[in-house]
PDB file of all heavy atoms in Angstrom:
ATOM      1  N   ASP A   1     212.854  13.336 -60.491  1.00  0.00           N
ATOM      2  CA  ASP A   1     212.472  13.886 -61.920  1.00  0.00           C
ATOM      3  C   ASP A   1     211.166  14.430 -61.852  1.00  0.00           C
ATOM      4  O   ASP A   1     210.834  15.599 -62.306  1.00  0.00           O
ATOM      5  CB  ASP A   1     212.623  12.738 -62.829  1.00  0.00           C
ATOM      6  CG  ASP A   1     211.631  11.567 -62.444  1.00  0.00           C
ATOM      7  OD1 ASP A   1     211.552  11.283 -61.239  1.00  0.00           O
ATOM      8  OD2 ASP A   1     211.228  10.863 -63.355  1.00  0.00           O
ATOM      9  N   VAL A   2     210.255  13.843 -61.007  1.00  0.00           N
ATOM     10  CA  VAL A   2     208.856  14.456 -60.826  1.00  0.00           C
ATOM     11  C   VAL A   2     208.970  15.716 -60.123  1.00  0.00           C
ATOM     12  O   VAL A   2     208.382  16.712 -60.421  1.00  0.00           O
ATOM     13  CB  VAL A   2     207.938  13.455 -60.137  1.00  0.00           C
ATOM     14  CG1 VAL A   2     206.578  14.038 -59.692  1.00  0.00           C
ATOM     15  CG2 VAL A   2     207.803  12.262 -60.920  1.00  0.00           C
ATOM     16  N   TRP A   3     209.875  15.895 -59.065  1.00  0.00           N
ATOM     17  CA  TRP A   3     209.923  17.034 -58.210  1.00  0.00           C
ATOM     18  C   TRP A   3     210.542  18.195 -58.999  1.00  0.00           C
ATOM     19  O   TRP A   3     210.029  19.289 -58.819  1.00  0.00           O
ATOM     20  CB  TRP A   3     210.785  16.757 -56.942  1.00  0.00           C
ATOM     21  CG  TRP A   3     210.803  17.873 -55.979  1.00  0.00           C
ATOM     22  CD1 TRP A   3     211.796  18.670 -55.572  1.00  0.00           C
ATOM     23  CD2 TRP A   3     209.643  18.179 -55.140  1.00  0.00           C
ATOM     24  NE1 TRP A   3     211.328  19.510 -54.658  1.00  0.00           N
ATOM     25  CE2 TRP A   3     210.071  19.233 -54.384  1.00  0.00           C
ATOM     26  CE3 TRP A   3     208.265  17.671 -54.966  1.00  0.00           C
ATOM     27  CZ2 TRP A   3     209.261  19.950 -53.378  1.00  0.00           C
ATOM     28  CZ3 TRP A   3     207.496  18.199 -53.962  1.00  0.00           C
ATOM     29  CH2 TRP A   3     207.897  19.318 -53.263  1.00  0.00           C
ATOM     30  N   HIS A   4     211.513  17.842 -59.740  1.00  0.00           N
ATOM     31  CA  HIS A   4     212.064  18.973 -60.607  1.00  0.00           C
ATOM     32  C   HIS A   4     211.067  19.483 -61.597  1.00  0.00           C
ATOM     33  O   HIS A   4     211.014  20.705 -61.793  1.00  0.00           O
ATOM     34  CB  HIS A   4     213.395  18.369 -61.268  1.00  0.00           C
ATOM     35  CG  HIS A   4     214.536  18.274 -60.266  1.00  0.00           C
ATOM     36  ND1 HIS A   4     215.781  17.825 -60.713  1.00  0.00           N
ATOM     37  CD2 HIS A   4     214.656  18.534 -59.052  1.00  0.00           C
ATOM     38  CE1 HIS A   4     216.565  17.826 -59.720  1.00  0.00           C
ATOM     39  NE2 HIS A   4     215.929  18.270 -58.575  1.00  0.00           N
ATOM     40  N   THR A   5     210.241  18.614 -62.108  1.00  0.00           N
ATOM     41  CA  THR A   5     209.223  19.048 -63.140  1.00  0.00           C
ATOM     42  C   THR A   5     208.252  20.011 -62.383  1.00  0.00           C
ATOM     43  O   THR A   5     207.861  21.081 -62.975  1.00  0.00           O
ATOM     44  CB  THR A   5     208.520  17.850 -63.635  1.00  0.00           C
ATOM     45  OG1 THR A   5     209.409  16.959 -64.450  1.00  0.00           O
ATOM     46  CG2 THR A   5     207.408  18.252 -64.603  1.00  0.00           C
ATOM     47  N   LEU A   6     207.833  19.672 -61.240  1.00  0.00           N
ATOM     48  CA  LEU A   6     206.865  20.479 -60.470  1.00  0.00           C
ATOM     49  C   LEU A   6     207.599  21.857 -60.141  1.00  0.00           C
ATOM     50  O   LEU A   6     206.953  22.856 -60.215  1.00  0.00           O
ATOM     51  CB  LEU A   6     206.602  19.743 -59.142  1.00  0.00           C
ATOM     52  CG  LEU A   6     205.424  18.791 -59.138  1.00  0.00           C
ATOM     53  CD1 LEU A   6     205.262  18.116 -57.860  1.00  0.00           C
ATOM     54  CD2 LEU A   6     203.991  19.589 -59.515  1.00  0.00           C
ATOM     55  N   MET A   7     208.835  21.834 -59.770  1.00  0.00           N
ATOM     56  CA  MET A   7     209.483  23.045 -59.442  1.00  0.00           C
ATOM     57  C   MET A   7     209.586  23.966 -60.612  1.00  0.00           C
ATOM     58  O   MET A   7     209.406  25.217 -60.540  1.00  0.00           O
ATOM     59  CB  MET A   7     210.917  22.730 -58.787  1.00  0.00           C
ATOM     60  CG  MET A   7     211.025  22.289 -57.356  1.00  0.00           C
ATOM     61  SD  MET A   7     212.529  22.231 -56.681  1.00  0.00           S
ATOM     62  CE  MET A   7     213.615  21.346 -57.860  1.00  0.00           C
ATOM     63  N   LYS A   8     209.999  23.422 -61.721  1.00  0.00           N
ATOM     64  CA  LYS A   8     210.246  24.201 -62.951  1.00  0.00           C
ATOM     65  C   LYS A   8     208.775  24.750 -63.337  1.00  0.00           C
ATOM     66  O   LYS A   8     208.691  25.837 -63.771  1.00  0.00           O
ATOM     67  CB  LYS A   8     210.782  23.388 -64.157  1.00  0.00           C
ATOM     68  CG  LYS A   8     212.254  23.056 -63.816  1.00  0.00           C
ATOM     69  CD  LYS A   8     212.708  22.152 -65.020  1.00  0.00           C
ATOM     70  CE  LYS A   8     214.175  21.818 -64.835  1.00  0.00           C
ATOM     71  NZ  LYS A   8     214.678  20.882 -65.932  1.00  0.00           N
ATOM     72  N   ARG A   9     207.715  23.908 -63.283  1.00  0.00           N
ATOM     73  CA  ARG A   9     206.402  24.418 -63.635  1.00  0.00           C
ATOM     74  C   ARG A   9     205.921  25.541 -62.710  1.00  0.00           C
ATOM     75  O   ARG A   9     205.416  26.507 -63.281  1.00  0.00           O
ATOM     76  CB  ARG A   9     205.378  23.147 -63.558  1.00  0.00           C
ATOM     77  CG  ARG A   9     204.133  23.435 -64.326  1.00  0.00           C
ATOM     78  CD  ARG A   9     203.200  22.193 -64.251  1.00  0.00           C
ATOM     79  NE  ARG A   9     203.842  21.109 -64.820  1.00  0.00           N
ATOM     80  CZ  ARG A   9     203.687  19.894 -64.502  1.00  0.00           C
ATOM     81  NH1 ARG A   9     202.982  19.589 -63.431  1.00  0.00           N
ATOM     82  NH2 ARG A   9     204.175  18.781 -65.086  1.00  0.00           N
ATOM     83  N   GLY A  10     206.261  25.466 -61.531  1.00  0.00           N
ATOM     84  CA  GLY A  10     205.882  26.486 -60.501  1.00  0.00           C
ATOM     85  C   GLY A  10     206.683  27.658 -60.746  1.00  0.00           C
ATOM     86  O   GLY A  10     206.022  28.933 -60.702  1.00  0.00           O
ATOM     87  N   MET A  11     207.971  27.613 -61.088  1.00  0.00           N
ATOM     88  CA  MET A  11     208.767  28.832 -61.189  1.00  0.00           C
ATOM     89  C   MET A  11     208.552  29.550 -62.491  1.00  0.00           C
ATOM     90  O   MET A  11     208.921  30.760 -62.597  1.00  0.00           O
ATOM     91  CB  MET A  11     210.168  28.434 -61.030  1.00  0.00           C
ATOM     92  CG  MET A  11     210.591  28.034 -59.654  1.00  0.00           C
ATOM     93  SD  MET A  11     212.459  27.784 -59.439  1.00  0.00           S
ATOM     94  CE  MET A  11     212.601  26.150 -60.104  1.00  0.00           C
ATOM     95  N   THR A  12     207.977  28.882 -63.486  1.00  0.00           N
ATOM     96  CA  THR A  12     207.838  29.434 -64.766  1.00  0.00           C
ATOM     97  C   THR A  12     206.292  29.922 -64.973  1.00  0.00           C
ATOM     98  O   THR A  12     205.983  30.609 -65.937  1.00  0.00           O
ATOM     99  CB  THR A  12     208.195  28.535 -65.912  1.00  0.00           C
ATOM    100  OG1 THR A  12     207.388  27.269 -65.794  1.00  0.00           O
ATOM    101  CG2 THR A  12     209.646  28.300 -65.966  1.00  0.00           C
ATOM    102  N   ALA A  13     205.471  29.615 -64.005  1.00  0.00           N
ATOM    103  CA  ALA A  13     204.079  29.986 -64.129  1.00  0.00           C
ATOM    104  C   ALA A  13     203.992  31.540 -63.918  1.00  0.00           C
ATOM    105  O   ALA A  13     204.755  32.181 -63.293  1.00  0.00           O
ATOM    106  CB  ALA A  13     203.312  29.379 -62.922  1.00  0.00           C
ATOM    107  N   ASP A  14     203.023  32.127 -64.711  1.00  0.00           N
ATOM    108  CA  ASP A  14     202.795  33.566 -64.750  1.00  0.00           C
ATOM    109  C   ASP A  14     201.695  33.878 -63.661  1.00  0.00           C
ATOM    110  O   ASP A  14     200.540  33.645 -63.880  1.00  0.00           O
ATOM    111  CB  ASP A  14     202.339  34.053 -66.039  1.00  0.00           C
ATOM    112  CG  ASP A  14     202.196  35.548 -66.112  1.00  0.00           C
ATOM    113  OD1 ASP A  14     202.425  36.268 -65.154  1.00  0.00           O
ATOM    114  OD2 ASP A  14     202.013  35.880 -67.180  1.00  0.00           O
ATOM    115  N   PHE A  15     202.177  34.414 -62.511  1.00  0.00           N
ATOM    116  CA  PHE A  15     201.272  34.837 -61.568  1.00  0.00           C
ATOM    117  C   PHE A  15     201.093  36.403 -61.384  1.00  0.00           C
ATOM    118  O   PHE A  15     200.678  36.882 -60.485  1.00  0.00           O
ATOM    119  CB  PHE A  15     201.687  34.363 -60.108  1.00  0.00           C
ATOM    120  CG  PHE A  15     201.764  32.889 -60.062  1.00  0.00           C
ATOM    121  CD1 PHE A  15     202.833  32.130 -59.936  1.00  0.00           C
ATOM    122  CD2 PHE A  15     200.515  32.135 -59.933  1.00  0.00           C
ATOM    123  CE1 PHE A  15     202.976  30.836 -59.885  1.00  0.00           C
ATOM    124  CE2 PHE A  15     200.514  30.723 -59.782  1.00  0.00           C
ATOM    125  CZ  PHE A  15     201.680  30.041 -59.713  1.00  0.00           C
ATOM    126  N   SER A  16     201.451  36.984 -62.449  1.00  0.00           N
ATOM    127  CA  SER A  16     201.437  38.461 -62.492  1.00  0.00           C
ATOM    128  C   SER A  16     199.944  39.030 -62.436  1.00  0.00           C
ATOM    129  O   SER A  16     199.102  38.432 -62.881  1.00  0.00           O
ATOM    130  CB  SER A  16     202.106  39.028 -63.809  1.00  0.00           C
ATOM    131  OG  SER A  16     201.324  38.764 -64.979  1.00  0.00           O
ATOM    132  N   TRP A  17     199.879  40.293 -62.055  1.00  0.00           N
ATOM    133  CA  TRP A  17     198.599  41.119 -62.020  1.00  0.00           C
ATOM    134  C   TRP A  17     198.064  41.171 -63.479  1.00  0.00           C
ATOM    135  O   TRP A  17     196.917  41.182 -63.747  1.00  0.00           O
ATOM    136  CB  TRP A  17     198.713  42.312 -61.325  1.00  0.00           C
ATOM    137  CG  TRP A  17     198.657  42.067 -59.828  1.00  0.00           C
ATOM    138  CD1 TRP A  17     199.620  42.289 -58.975  1.00  0.00           C
ATOM    139  CD2 TRP A  17     197.401  41.743 -59.000  1.00  0.00           C
ATOM    140  NE1 TRP A  17     199.153  42.037 -57.644  1.00  0.00           N
ATOM    141  CE2 TRP A  17     197.788  41.630 -57.700  1.00  0.00           C
ATOM    142  CE3 TRP A  17     196.025  41.354 -59.467  1.00  0.00           C
ATOM    143  CZ2 TRP A  17     196.909  41.339 -56.766  1.00  0.00           C
ATOM    144  CZ3 TRP A  17     195.285  40.982 -58.475  1.00  0.00           C
ATOM    145  CH2 TRP A  17     195.712  40.949 -57.097  1.00  0.00           C
ATOM    146  N   ASN A  18     199.051  41.473 -64.424  1.00  0.00           N
ATOM    147  CA  ASN A  18     198.660  41.663 -65.856  1.00  0.00           C
ATOM    148  C   ASN A  18     197.910  40.271 -66.342  1.00  0.00           C
ATOM    149  O   ASN A  18     196.862  40.511 -67.025  1.00  0.00           O
ATOM    150  CB  ASN A  18     199.894  41.935 -66.753  1.00  0.00           C
ATOM    151  CG  ASN A  18     200.518  43.289 -66.501  1.00  0.00           C
ATOM    152  OD1 ASN A  18     199.727  44.207 -65.995  1.00  0.00           O
ATOM    153  ND2 ASN A  18     201.763  43.397 -66.874  1.00  0.00           N
ATOM    154  N   LYS A  19     198.417  39.281 -66.023  1.00  0.00           N
ATOM    155  CA  LYS A  19     197.756  38.006 -66.544  1.00  0.00           C
ATOM    156  C   LYS A  19     196.419  37.780 -65.876  1.00  0.00           C
ATOM    157  O   LYS A  19     195.525  37.571 -66.474  1.00  0.00           O
ATOM    158  CB  LYS A  19     198.602  36.725 -66.228  1.00  0.00           C
ATOM    159  CG  LYS A  19     198.119  35.571 -66.709  1.00  0.00           C
ATOM    160  CD  LYS A  19     199.009  34.359 -66.565  1.00  0.00           C
ATOM    161  CE  LYS A  19     198.554  33.021 -67.074  1.00  0.00           C
ATOM    162  NZ  LYS A  19     197.201  32.533 -66.478  1.00  0.00           N
ATOM    163  N   SER A  20     196.391  38.121 -64.441  1.00  0.00           N
ATOM    164  CA  SER A  20     195.159  37.933 -63.756  1.00  0.00           C
ATOM    165  C   SER A  20     194.034  38.984 -64.285  1.00  0.00           C
ATOM    166  O   SER A  20     192.883  38.600 -64.395  1.00  0.00           O
ATOM    167  CB  SER A  20     195.410  38.116 -62.305  1.00  0.00           C
ATOM    168  OG  SER A  20     196.250  37.158 -61.787  1.00  0.00           O
ATOM    169  N   ALA A  21     194.455  40.173 -64.544  1.00  0.00           N
ATOM    170  CA  ALA A  21     193.691  41.160 -64.946  1.00  0.00           C
ATOM    171  C   ALA A  21     193.032  40.784 -66.314  1.00  0.00           C
ATOM    172  O   ALA A  21     191.695  40.981 -66.535  1.00  0.00           O
ATOM    173  CB  ALA A  21     194.257  42.461 -65.134  1.00  0.00           C
ATOM    174  N   ALA A  22     193.847  40.344 -67.212  1.00  0.00           N
ATOM    175  CA  ALA A  22     193.302  39.847 -68.508  1.00  0.00           C
ATOM    176  C   ALA A  22     192.397  38.761 -68.429  1.00  0.00           C
ATOM    177  O   ALA A  22     191.411  38.687 -69.135  1.00  0.00           O
ATOM    178  CB  ALA A  22     194.698  39.409 -69.373  1.00  0.00           C
ATOM    179  N   GLU A  23     192.761  37.800 -67.535  1.00  0.00           N
ATOM    180  CA  GLU A  23     191.532  36.661 -67.387  1.00  0.00           C
ATOM    181  C   GLU A  23     190.289  37.245 -66.890  1.00  0.00           C
ATOM    182  O   GLU A  23     189.235  36.710 -67.157  1.00  0.00           O
ATOM    183  CB  GLU A  23     192.280  35.634 -66.444  1.00  0.00           C
ATOM    184  CG  GLU A  23     193.429  34.810 -67.049  1.00  0.00           C
ATOM    185  CD  GLU A  23     194.112  33.917 -66.133  1.00  0.00           C
ATOM    186  OE1 GLU A  23     193.716  33.862 -64.888  1.00  0.00           O
ATOM    187  OE2 GLU A  23     195.045  33.203 -66.556  1.00  0.00           O
ATOM    188  N   TYR A  24     190.326  38.200 -65.905  1.00  0.00           N
ATOM    189  CA  TYR A  24     189.151  38.808 -65.390  1.00  0.00           C
ATOM    190  C   TYR A  24     188.438  39.511 -66.421  1.00  0.00           C
ATOM    191  O   TYR A  24     187.148  39.350 -66.578  1.00  0.00           O
ATOM    192  CB  TYR A  24     189.398  39.652 -64.147  1.00  0.00           C
ATOM    193  CG  TYR A  24     189.548  38.967 -62.816  1.00  0.00           C
ATOM    194  CD1 TYR A  24     190.689  38.921 -62.190  1.00  0.00           C
ATOM    195  CD2 TYR A  24     188.262  38.453 -62.254  1.00  0.00           C
ATOM    196  CE1 TYR A  24     190.704  38.281 -60.845  1.00  0.00           C
ATOM    197  CE2 TYR A  24     188.370  37.713 -61.007  1.00  0.00           C
ATOM    198  CZ  TYR A  24     189.597  37.705 -60.392  1.00  0.00           C
ATOM    199  OH  TYR A  24     189.730  37.020 -59.275  1.00  0.00           O
ATOM    200  N   LEU A  25     189.083  40.260 -67.296  1.00  0.00           N
ATOM    201  CA  LEU A  25     188.494  41.030 -68.320  1.00  0.00           C
ATOM    202  C   LEU A  25     187.732  40.028 -69.344  1.00  0.00           C
ATOM    203  O   LEU A  25     186.686  40.199 -69.855  1.00  0.00           O
ATOM    204  CB  LEU A  25     189.522  41.866 -69.141  1.00  0.00           C
ATOM    205  CG  LEU A  25     189.858  43.073 -68.543  1.00  0.00           C
ATOM    206  CD1 LEU A  25     191.041  43.802 -69.271  1.00  0.00           C
ATOM    207  CD2 LEU A  25     188.579  44.154 -68.376  1.00  0.00           C
ATOM    208  N   ASP A  26     188.491  38.894 -69.627  1.00  0.00           N
ATOM    209  CA  ASP A  26     187.897  37.906 -70.540  1.00  0.00           C
ATOM    210  C   ASP A  26     186.618  37.377 -69.926  1.00  0.00           C
ATOM    211  O   ASP A  26     185.610  37.228 -70.547  1.00  0.00           O
ATOM    212  CB  ASP A  26     188.855  36.813 -70.823  1.00  0.00           C
ATOM    213  CG  ASP A  26     190.025  37.185 -71.733  1.00  0.00           C
ATOM    214  OD1 ASP A  26     189.891  38.174 -72.470  1.00  0.00           O
ATOM    215  OD2 ASP A  26     191.020  36.431 -71.742  1.00  0.00           O
ATOM    216  N   LEU A  27     186.777  37.027 -68.630  1.00  0.00           N
ATOM    217  CA  LEU A  27     185.451  36.490 -67.863  1.00  0.00           C
ATOM    218  C   LEU A  27     184.287  37.550 -67.895  1.00  0.00           C
ATOM    219  O   LEU A  27     183.177  37.177 -68.210  1.00  0.00           O
ATOM    220  CB  LEU A  27     185.832  36.297 -66.399  1.00  0.00           C
ATOM    221  CG  LEU A  27     184.677  35.715 -65.537  1.00  0.00           C
ATOM    222  CD1 LEU A  27     184.054  34.442 -66.101  1.00  0.00           C
ATOM    223  CD2 LEU A  27     185.177  35.631 -64.204  1.00  0.00           C
ATOM    224  N   TYR A  28     184.625  38.803 -67.658  1.00  0.00           N
ATOM    225  CA  TYR A  28     183.503  39.769 -67.600  1.00  0.00           C
ATOM    226  C   TYR A  28     183.045  39.910 -69.045  1.00  0.00           C
ATOM    227  O   TYR A  28     181.681  40.167 -69.108  1.00  0.00           O
ATOM    228  CB  TYR A  28     183.975  41.101 -67.154  1.00  0.00           C
ATOM    229  CG  TYR A  28     184.516  41.154 -65.735  1.00  0.00           C
ATOM    230  CD1 TYR A  28     185.596  41.943 -65.227  1.00  0.00           C
ATOM    231  CD2 TYR A  28     183.906  40.245 -64.837  1.00  0.00           C
ATOM    232  CE1 TYR A  28     185.982  41.753 -63.966  1.00  0.00           C
ATOM    233  CE2 TYR A  28     184.300  40.140 -63.430  1.00  0.00           C
ATOM    234  CZ  TYR A  28     185.366  41.034 -62.927  1.00  0.00           C
ATOM    235  OH  TYR A  28     185.767  40.966 -61.731  1.00  0.00           O
ATOM    236  N   ARG A  29     183.774  39.927 -70.082  1.00  0.00           N
ATOM    237  CA  ARG A  29     183.211  40.080 -71.388  1.00  0.00           C
ATOM    238  C   ARG A  29     182.405  38.746 -71.777  1.00  0.00           C
ATOM    239  O   ARG A  29     181.379  38.914 -72.401  1.00  0.00           O
ATOM    240  CB  ARG A  29     184.468  40.028 -72.367  1.00  0.00           C
ATOM    241  CG  ARG A  29     185.134  41.501 -72.312  1.00  0.00           C
ATOM    242  CD  ARG A  29     186.212  41.550 -73.332  1.00  0.00           C
ATOM    243  NE  ARG A  29     186.972  42.969 -73.290  1.00  0.00           N
ATOM    244  CZ  ARG A  29     188.186  43.050 -73.069  1.00  0.00           C
ATOM    245  NH1 ARG A  29     189.063  42.082 -72.939  1.00  0.00           N
ATOM    246  NH2 ARG A  29     188.696  44.294 -73.058  1.00  0.00           N
ATOM    247  N   GLN A  30     182.846  37.654 -71.248  1.00  0.00           N
ATOM    248  CA  GLN A  30     181.964  36.531 -71.594  1.00  0.00           C
ATOM    249  C   GLN A  30     180.582  36.534 -70.956  1.00  0.00           C
ATOM    250  O   GLN A  30     179.513  36.183 -71.450  1.00  0.00           O
ATOM    251  CB  GLN A  30     182.593  35.264 -71.135  1.00  0.00           C
ATOM    252  CG  GLN A  30     183.789  34.766 -71.925  1.00  0.00           C
ATOM    253  CD  GLN A  30     184.574  33.577 -71.295  1.00  0.00           C
ATOM    254  OE1 GLN A  30     183.994  32.878 -70.533  1.00  0.00           O
ATOM    255  NE2 GLN A  30     185.798  33.516 -71.703  1.00  0.00           N
ATOM    256  N   LEU A  31     180.634  37.194 -69.700  1.00  0.00           N
ATOM    257  CA  LEU A  31     179.331  37.425 -69.006  1.00  0.00           C
ATOM    258  C   LEU A  31     178.316  38.314 -69.679  1.00  0.00           C
ATOM    259  O   LEU A  31     177.153  38.294 -69.481  1.00  0.00           O
ATOM    260  CB  LEU A  31     179.528  37.789 -67.603  1.00  0.00           C
ATOM    261  CG  LEU A  31     180.321  36.666 -66.712  1.00  0.00           C
ATOM    262  CD1 LEU A  31     180.708  37.271 -65.345  1.00  0.00           C
ATOM    263  CD2 LEU A  31     179.329  35.514 -66.482  1.00  0.00           C
TER     264      LEU A  31
END
């Protein structure tokens, strides 16, 4: 049950460049 939770969480995580770029923009704006 723990392993399946980890697998699902990893497979549904958003690792896209769009998400990363948005996070960088937020960081730069905060700075």
